[in-house]
N, C-alpha and C. Protein backbone atom coordinates (compact mmCIF):
# COMPACT_ATOMS: atom_id res chain seq x y z
N MET A 1 -9.87 -10.01 -29.41
CA MET A 1 -10.82 -9.05 -28.96
C MET A 1 -11.81 -8.77 -30.08
N SER A 2 -13.05 -8.76 -29.75
CA SER A 2 -14.11 -8.53 -30.71
C SER A 2 -14.18 -7.06 -31.08
N ALA A 3 -14.50 -6.78 -32.34
CA ALA A 3 -14.66 -5.41 -32.77
C ALA A 3 -15.89 -4.79 -32.12
N ARG A 4 -16.81 -5.63 -31.68
CA ARG A 4 -18.03 -5.16 -31.05
C ARG A 4 -17.83 -4.80 -29.58
N ARG A 5 -16.76 -5.26 -28.99
CA ARG A 5 -16.52 -5.02 -27.57
C ARG A 5 -16.10 -3.58 -27.34
N SER A 6 -16.83 -2.89 -26.52
CA SER A 6 -16.52 -1.49 -26.20
C SER A 6 -15.43 -1.44 -25.13
N LEU A 7 -14.43 -0.62 -25.39
CA LEU A 7 -13.32 -0.46 -24.45
C LEU A 7 -13.31 0.93 -23.80
N VAL A 8 -14.31 1.73 -24.08
CA VAL A 8 -14.33 3.10 -23.58
C VAL A 8 -14.28 3.15 -22.06
N TRP A 9 -14.83 2.17 -21.37
CA TRP A 9 -14.85 2.14 -19.91
C TRP A 9 -13.45 2.05 -19.32
N LEU A 10 -12.49 1.55 -20.08
CA LEU A 10 -11.13 1.42 -19.57
C LEU A 10 -10.42 2.76 -19.40
N GLY A 11 -10.92 3.79 -20.05
CA GLY A 11 -10.28 5.08 -19.99
C GLY A 11 -10.73 5.98 -18.86
N LEU A 12 -11.60 5.49 -17.99
CA LEU A 12 -12.12 6.34 -16.92
C LEU A 12 -11.03 6.85 -15.99
N THR A 13 -10.37 5.97 -15.30
CA THR A 13 -9.38 6.37 -14.30
C THR A 13 -8.59 5.14 -13.86
N PRO A 14 -7.32 5.31 -13.55
CA PRO A 14 -6.54 4.17 -13.07
C PRO A 14 -6.68 3.92 -11.56
N GLU A 15 -7.34 4.82 -10.83
CA GLU A 15 -7.40 4.67 -9.38
C GLU A 15 -7.99 3.35 -8.91
N PRO A 16 -9.11 2.88 -9.49
CA PRO A 16 -9.63 1.60 -9.01
C PRO A 16 -8.61 0.48 -9.14
N GLU A 17 -7.93 0.46 -10.26
CA GLU A 17 -6.92 -0.56 -10.52
C GLU A 17 -5.79 -0.50 -9.50
N GLN A 18 -5.39 0.70 -9.14
CA GLN A 18 -4.27 0.90 -8.24
C GLN A 18 -4.65 0.78 -6.77
N GLU A 19 -5.78 1.34 -6.40
CA GLU A 19 -6.16 1.45 -4.99
C GLU A 19 -6.98 0.29 -4.44
N LEU A 20 -7.80 -0.31 -5.28
CA LEU A 20 -8.73 -1.30 -4.76
C LEU A 20 -8.11 -2.62 -4.28
N PRO A 21 -7.12 -3.18 -4.95
CA PRO A 21 -6.65 -4.50 -4.49
C PRO A 21 -6.29 -4.58 -3.00
N ALA A 22 -5.50 -3.66 -2.49
CA ALA A 22 -5.11 -3.72 -1.08
C ALA A 22 -6.31 -3.43 -0.16
N ALA A 23 -7.13 -2.45 -0.54
CA ALA A 23 -8.29 -2.11 0.29
C ALA A 23 -9.29 -3.25 0.32
N VAL A 24 -9.56 -3.84 -0.83
CA VAL A 24 -10.53 -4.95 -0.89
C VAL A 24 -9.97 -6.17 -0.16
N ALA A 25 -8.69 -6.43 -0.30
CA ALA A 25 -8.08 -7.54 0.44
C ALA A 25 -8.25 -7.33 1.94
N ALA A 26 -8.08 -6.10 2.40
CA ALA A 26 -8.26 -5.81 3.83
C ALA A 26 -9.71 -6.04 4.25
N LEU A 27 -10.64 -5.68 3.39
CA LEU A 27 -12.06 -5.88 3.71
C LEU A 27 -12.44 -7.36 3.69
N ARG A 28 -11.79 -8.13 2.84
CA ARG A 28 -12.08 -9.57 2.75
C ARG A 28 -11.33 -10.38 3.81
N SER A 29 -10.27 -9.81 4.36
CA SER A 29 -9.42 -10.53 5.31
C SER A 29 -10.16 -10.83 6.61
N PRO A 30 -10.03 -12.06 7.09
CA PRO A 30 -10.70 -12.40 8.35
C PRO A 30 -10.04 -11.74 9.57
N ALA A 31 -8.78 -11.37 9.44
CA ALA A 31 -8.06 -10.76 10.57
C ALA A 31 -7.99 -9.25 10.38
N ALA A 32 -8.04 -8.53 11.47
CA ALA A 32 -7.92 -7.08 11.42
C ALA A 32 -6.48 -6.70 11.10
N GLY A 33 -6.30 -5.50 10.64
CA GLY A 33 -4.95 -5.03 10.34
C GLY A 33 -4.60 -5.24 8.89
N ARG A 34 -3.32 -5.27 8.64
CA ARG A 34 -2.81 -5.40 7.28
C ARG A 34 -3.15 -6.78 6.72
N PRO A 35 -3.74 -6.84 5.51
CA PRO A 35 -4.10 -8.14 4.94
C PRO A 35 -2.85 -8.91 4.51
N PRO A 36 -2.94 -10.24 4.49
CA PRO A 36 -1.80 -11.04 4.02
C PRO A 36 -1.44 -10.68 2.58
N SER A 37 -0.15 -10.68 2.28
CA SER A 37 0.29 -10.29 0.93
C SER A 37 -0.28 -11.20 -0.14
N ALA A 38 -0.51 -12.48 0.18
CA ALA A 38 -1.10 -13.39 -0.80
C ALA A 38 -2.52 -12.98 -1.16
N LEU A 39 -3.26 -12.47 -0.19
CA LEU A 39 -4.62 -12.00 -0.45
C LEU A 39 -4.60 -10.74 -1.32
N VAL A 40 -3.67 -9.84 -1.06
CA VAL A 40 -3.52 -8.63 -1.88
C VAL A 40 -3.13 -9.02 -3.30
N ALA A 41 -2.19 -9.95 -3.44
CA ALA A 41 -1.75 -10.39 -4.77
C ALA A 41 -2.90 -11.04 -5.54
N ALA A 42 -3.70 -11.83 -4.87
CA ALA A 42 -4.84 -12.48 -5.53
C ALA A 42 -5.85 -11.43 -6.00
N GLU A 43 -6.09 -10.43 -5.18
CA GLU A 43 -7.03 -9.37 -5.56
C GLU A 43 -6.46 -8.56 -6.72
N ARG A 44 -5.17 -8.27 -6.68
CA ARG A 44 -4.52 -7.54 -7.77
C ARG A 44 -4.62 -8.32 -9.08
N HIS A 45 -4.42 -9.63 -8.99
CA HIS A 45 -4.52 -10.49 -10.18
C HIS A 45 -5.95 -10.47 -10.74
N ARG A 46 -6.92 -10.52 -9.86
CA ARG A 46 -8.32 -10.49 -10.30
C ARG A 46 -8.65 -9.18 -11.02
N VAL A 47 -8.22 -8.06 -10.45
CA VAL A 47 -8.47 -6.76 -11.07
C VAL A 47 -7.75 -6.68 -12.41
N GLU A 48 -6.52 -7.13 -12.44
CA GLU A 48 -5.75 -7.10 -13.68
C GLU A 48 -6.44 -7.92 -14.77
N ARG A 49 -6.92 -9.08 -14.41
CA ARG A 49 -7.62 -9.95 -15.37
C ARG A 49 -8.89 -9.28 -15.88
N LEU A 50 -9.64 -8.64 -14.98
CA LEU A 50 -10.86 -7.94 -15.39
C LEU A 50 -10.55 -6.80 -16.36
N VAL A 51 -9.50 -6.05 -16.06
CA VAL A 51 -9.16 -4.90 -16.91
C VAL A 51 -8.61 -5.37 -18.26
N LEU A 52 -7.78 -6.38 -18.26
CA LEU A 52 -7.14 -6.81 -19.51
C LEU A 52 -8.04 -7.69 -20.37
N ARG A 53 -8.90 -8.49 -19.75
CA ARG A 53 -9.67 -9.46 -20.53
C ARG A 53 -11.18 -9.37 -20.31
N GLY A 54 -11.58 -8.50 -19.41
CA GLY A 54 -12.99 -8.45 -19.04
C GLY A 54 -13.80 -7.48 -19.87
N THR A 55 -15.02 -7.32 -19.43
CA THR A 55 -15.96 -6.41 -20.07
C THR A 55 -16.41 -5.38 -19.05
N GLN A 56 -17.06 -4.34 -19.53
CA GLN A 56 -17.58 -3.35 -18.59
C GLN A 56 -18.59 -3.99 -17.66
N ARG A 57 -19.39 -4.90 -18.17
CA ARG A 57 -20.38 -5.57 -17.32
C ARG A 57 -19.70 -6.36 -16.20
N GLY A 58 -18.63 -7.09 -16.52
CA GLY A 58 -17.88 -7.84 -15.51
C GLY A 58 -17.22 -6.92 -14.51
N TRP A 59 -16.68 -5.81 -14.98
CA TRP A 59 -16.05 -4.82 -14.11
C TRP A 59 -17.06 -4.24 -13.14
N LEU A 60 -18.26 -3.91 -13.65
CA LEU A 60 -19.30 -3.36 -12.79
C LEU A 60 -19.80 -4.40 -11.78
N ARG A 61 -19.78 -5.67 -12.14
CA ARG A 61 -20.13 -6.73 -11.18
C ARG A 61 -19.11 -6.75 -10.04
N TYR A 62 -17.84 -6.64 -10.39
CA TYR A 62 -16.78 -6.60 -9.37
C TYR A 62 -16.98 -5.40 -8.45
N LEU A 63 -17.26 -4.23 -9.03
CA LEU A 63 -17.46 -3.05 -8.21
C LEU A 63 -18.72 -3.17 -7.36
N ARG A 64 -19.69 -3.95 -7.79
CA ARG A 64 -20.87 -4.23 -6.96
C ARG A 64 -20.44 -5.02 -5.72
N GLU A 65 -19.55 -6.00 -5.91
CA GLU A 65 -19.01 -6.76 -4.78
C GLU A 65 -18.29 -5.84 -3.80
N VAL A 66 -17.50 -4.92 -4.34
CA VAL A 66 -16.77 -3.98 -3.49
C VAL A 66 -17.76 -3.10 -2.73
N THR A 67 -18.79 -2.64 -3.41
CA THR A 67 -19.82 -1.84 -2.76
C THR A 67 -20.43 -2.61 -1.60
N ASP A 68 -20.74 -3.88 -1.82
CA ASP A 68 -21.32 -4.71 -0.75
C ASP A 68 -20.37 -4.82 0.44
N LEU A 69 -19.07 -4.97 0.18
CA LEU A 69 -18.09 -5.04 1.26
C LEU A 69 -18.04 -3.73 2.05
N VAL A 70 -18.11 -2.61 1.35
CA VAL A 70 -18.07 -1.30 2.01
C VAL A 70 -19.31 -1.11 2.86
N VAL A 71 -20.47 -1.45 2.32
CA VAL A 71 -21.72 -1.30 3.05
C VAL A 71 -21.71 -2.18 4.30
N ARG A 72 -21.22 -3.40 4.15
CA ARG A 72 -21.13 -4.31 5.30
C ARG A 72 -20.17 -3.75 6.35
N ALA A 73 -19.04 -3.22 5.92
CA ALA A 73 -18.08 -2.65 6.87
C ALA A 73 -18.66 -1.43 7.58
N ALA A 74 -19.47 -0.65 6.88
CA ALA A 74 -20.08 0.54 7.50
C ALA A 74 -21.07 0.14 8.59
N GLY A 75 -21.65 -1.03 8.47
CA GLY A 75 -22.60 -1.50 9.47
C GLY A 75 -21.95 -2.25 10.61
N SER A 76 -20.66 -2.44 10.54
CA SER A 76 -19.93 -3.20 11.56
C SER A 76 -19.03 -2.26 12.34
N ARG A 77 -18.96 -2.44 13.63
CA ARG A 77 -18.08 -1.61 14.47
C ARG A 77 -16.78 -2.34 14.80
N THR A 78 -16.60 -3.52 14.25
CA THR A 78 -15.46 -4.34 14.64
C THR A 78 -14.22 -4.11 13.80
N ASN A 79 -14.32 -3.39 12.69
CA ASN A 79 -13.15 -3.25 11.84
C ASN A 79 -12.71 -1.79 11.74
N ASP A 80 -11.49 -1.60 11.29
CA ASP A 80 -10.95 -0.28 11.04
C ASP A 80 -11.58 0.25 9.76
N PRO A 81 -12.16 1.42 9.78
CA PRO A 81 -12.89 1.91 8.60
C PRO A 81 -12.01 2.42 7.46
N LYS A 82 -10.69 2.48 7.64
CA LYS A 82 -9.84 3.09 6.62
C LYS A 82 -9.95 2.40 5.26
N ALA A 83 -9.89 1.07 5.23
CA ALA A 83 -9.97 0.34 3.97
C ALA A 83 -11.34 0.53 3.33
N ALA A 84 -12.39 0.51 4.13
CA ALA A 84 -13.74 0.71 3.61
C ALA A 84 -13.92 2.12 3.06
N LEU A 85 -13.37 3.11 3.75
CA LEU A 85 -13.45 4.49 3.27
C LEU A 85 -12.75 4.64 1.92
N LEU A 86 -11.54 4.10 1.82
CA LEU A 86 -10.79 4.19 0.58
C LEU A 86 -11.53 3.50 -0.56
N ALA A 87 -11.94 2.25 -0.34
CA ALA A 87 -12.63 1.51 -1.39
C ALA A 87 -13.94 2.20 -1.78
N GLY A 88 -14.68 2.66 -0.81
CA GLY A 88 -15.95 3.32 -1.09
C GLY A 88 -15.78 4.60 -1.89
N GLU A 89 -14.79 5.40 -1.53
CA GLU A 89 -14.54 6.65 -2.25
C GLU A 89 -14.10 6.39 -3.69
N VAL A 90 -13.25 5.39 -3.88
CA VAL A 90 -12.76 5.06 -5.22
C VAL A 90 -13.92 4.59 -6.10
N VAL A 91 -14.75 3.70 -5.58
CA VAL A 91 -15.87 3.18 -6.38
C VAL A 91 -16.90 4.28 -6.64
N LEU A 92 -17.18 5.09 -5.63
CA LEU A 92 -18.15 6.17 -5.83
C LEU A 92 -17.66 7.15 -6.90
N ASP A 93 -16.40 7.53 -6.85
CA ASP A 93 -15.85 8.41 -7.88
C ASP A 93 -15.97 7.77 -9.26
N HIS A 94 -15.64 6.50 -9.35
CA HIS A 94 -15.74 5.77 -10.62
C HIS A 94 -17.17 5.81 -11.14
N HIS A 95 -18.11 5.49 -10.28
CA HIS A 95 -19.51 5.44 -10.70
C HIS A 95 -20.04 6.81 -11.10
N ARG A 96 -19.56 7.84 -10.46
CA ARG A 96 -19.99 9.20 -10.84
C ARG A 96 -19.46 9.56 -12.23
N MET A 97 -18.27 9.09 -12.58
CA MET A 97 -17.69 9.40 -13.89
C MET A 97 -18.38 8.66 -15.02
N LEU A 98 -19.13 7.62 -14.71
CA LEU A 98 -19.83 6.87 -15.75
C LEU A 98 -20.84 7.74 -16.51
N ILE A 99 -21.23 8.86 -15.93
CA ILE A 99 -22.19 9.73 -16.60
C ILE A 99 -21.65 10.22 -17.94
N GLY A 100 -20.34 10.31 -18.07
CA GLY A 100 -19.73 10.80 -19.31
C GLY A 100 -19.54 9.74 -20.37
N LEU A 101 -19.88 8.50 -20.09
CA LEU A 101 -19.69 7.42 -21.06
C LEU A 101 -21.00 7.04 -21.73
N PRO A 102 -20.91 6.54 -22.95
CA PRO A 102 -22.13 6.03 -23.59
C PRO A 102 -22.60 4.76 -22.88
N GLY A 103 -23.86 4.48 -23.02
CA GLY A 103 -24.40 3.27 -22.43
C GLY A 103 -25.13 3.54 -21.13
N ALA A 104 -25.56 2.45 -20.50
CA ALA A 104 -26.41 2.55 -19.32
C ALA A 104 -25.65 2.37 -18.00
N GLY A 105 -24.33 2.40 -18.03
CA GLY A 105 -23.54 2.18 -16.82
C GLY A 105 -23.90 3.12 -15.69
N TYR A 106 -24.08 4.39 -16.00
CA TYR A 106 -24.41 5.37 -14.96
C TYR A 106 -25.76 5.04 -14.33
N ASP A 107 -26.74 4.75 -15.15
CA ASP A 107 -28.07 4.41 -14.62
C ASP A 107 -28.03 3.11 -13.83
N ARG A 108 -27.25 2.13 -14.30
CA ARG A 108 -27.16 0.84 -13.61
C ARG A 108 -26.54 0.96 -12.23
N THR A 109 -25.73 1.97 -12.02
CA THR A 109 -25.03 2.11 -10.74
C THR A 109 -25.68 3.13 -9.80
N ALA A 110 -26.87 3.60 -10.12
CA ALA A 110 -27.54 4.61 -9.30
C ALA A 110 -27.74 4.12 -7.87
N LEU A 111 -28.22 2.90 -7.70
CA LEU A 111 -28.45 2.37 -6.36
C LEU A 111 -27.12 2.23 -5.61
N GLN A 112 -26.08 1.79 -6.29
CA GLN A 112 -24.78 1.65 -5.64
C GLN A 112 -24.25 3.01 -5.18
N ARG A 113 -24.42 4.04 -6.00
CA ARG A 113 -23.98 5.38 -5.60
C ARG A 113 -24.69 5.80 -4.32
N HIS A 114 -25.98 5.57 -4.27
CA HIS A 114 -26.75 5.91 -3.07
C HIS A 114 -26.25 5.12 -1.86
N GLU A 115 -26.07 3.81 -2.03
CA GLU A 115 -25.58 2.96 -0.93
C GLU A 115 -24.21 3.41 -0.46
N LEU A 116 -23.33 3.73 -1.40
CA LEU A 116 -21.98 4.16 -1.05
C LEU A 116 -21.99 5.50 -0.32
N GLU A 117 -22.81 6.43 -0.77
CA GLU A 117 -22.89 7.73 -0.10
C GLU A 117 -23.33 7.55 1.35
N ARG A 118 -24.32 6.70 1.59
CA ARG A 118 -24.78 6.45 2.96
C ARG A 118 -23.71 5.74 3.78
N ALA A 119 -23.06 4.74 3.20
CA ALA A 119 -22.03 3.99 3.92
C ALA A 119 -20.85 4.90 4.26
N LEU A 120 -20.42 5.72 3.31
CA LEU A 120 -19.29 6.61 3.57
C LEU A 120 -19.64 7.62 4.66
N ALA A 121 -20.85 8.11 4.68
CA ALA A 121 -21.25 9.04 5.74
C ALA A 121 -21.17 8.35 7.10
N ARG A 122 -21.62 7.10 7.19
CA ARG A 122 -21.53 6.36 8.46
C ARG A 122 -20.08 6.13 8.86
N LEU A 123 -19.25 5.77 7.90
CA LEU A 123 -17.84 5.52 8.19
C LEU A 123 -17.14 6.79 8.65
N ARG A 124 -17.45 7.90 8.05
CA ARG A 124 -16.82 9.18 8.42
C ARG A 124 -17.26 9.66 9.80
N GLU A 125 -18.44 9.24 10.23
CA GLU A 125 -18.95 9.66 11.54
C GLU A 125 -18.31 8.89 12.69
N ARG A 126 -17.65 7.79 12.38
CA ARG A 126 -17.04 6.99 13.44
C ARG A 126 -15.92 7.77 14.13
N PRO A 127 -15.83 7.60 15.44
CA PRO A 127 -14.69 8.23 16.15
C PRO A 127 -13.40 7.49 15.77
N GLU A 128 -12.32 8.20 15.86
CA GLU A 128 -11.01 7.59 15.61
C GLU A 128 -10.78 6.47 16.60
N PRO A 129 -10.18 5.36 16.16
CA PRO A 129 -9.90 4.28 17.11
C PRO A 129 -8.93 4.76 18.20
N ALA A 130 -9.21 4.36 19.42
CA ALA A 130 -8.35 4.74 20.54
C ALA A 130 -7.05 3.96 20.47
N LEU A 131 -6.00 4.59 20.93
CA LEU A 131 -4.72 3.90 21.00
C LEU A 131 -4.78 2.83 22.09
N VAL A 132 -4.16 1.72 21.83
CA VAL A 132 -4.11 0.65 22.82
C VAL A 132 -2.83 0.81 23.61
N GLY A 133 -2.95 0.84 24.92
CA GLY A 133 -1.76 0.98 25.75
C GLY A 133 -1.35 2.44 25.87
N PRO A 134 -0.27 2.68 26.57
CA PRO A 134 0.19 4.07 26.74
C PRO A 134 0.67 4.63 25.41
N SER A 135 0.42 5.92 25.21
CA SER A 135 0.81 6.54 23.95
C SER A 135 2.32 6.75 23.89
N GLU A 136 2.96 6.81 25.06
CA GLU A 136 4.41 6.97 25.09
C GLU A 136 5.00 5.80 25.87
N PRO A 137 5.87 5.02 25.24
CA PRO A 137 6.39 3.82 25.90
C PRO A 137 7.16 4.11 27.20
N TRP A 138 7.71 5.30 27.31
CA TRP A 138 8.50 5.60 28.52
C TRP A 138 7.64 6.09 29.68
N SER A 139 6.35 6.26 29.45
CA SER A 139 5.51 6.81 30.52
C SER A 139 5.31 5.82 31.67
N THR A 140 5.58 4.55 31.47
CA THR A 140 5.42 3.56 32.56
C THR A 140 6.74 3.27 33.25
N ILE A 141 7.82 3.90 32.83
CA ILE A 141 9.14 3.61 33.41
C ILE A 141 9.35 4.43 34.64
């Protein structure tokens, strides 16, 4: 590790590291519902690699990808918004905390914060998904 490499960004919060892999895997998954465990593991490995060996710039690039997934999900009515809501809230909180760090990270993420706020508002406005089939299995007996 270079003495010039700033590690201050690693101290923000563990939530992105913990919460994003499963949510991002769900957003990347071609099938609705729970993402395949291999996809979650791959996303977890990617985040781990970024945190252990990456830079703040690389981390912010990854969060830009996540932002794009959330914005895309907010514009689509075909998926369950839960994963997009979780990912969007985690990234938005992260980006808001950048104001307390040295450097231009907070300024660089201004557009993403705006995009996430709009996407989260759209996702929160969605009605709850309707239950498929009877709500009580014995009601048809």
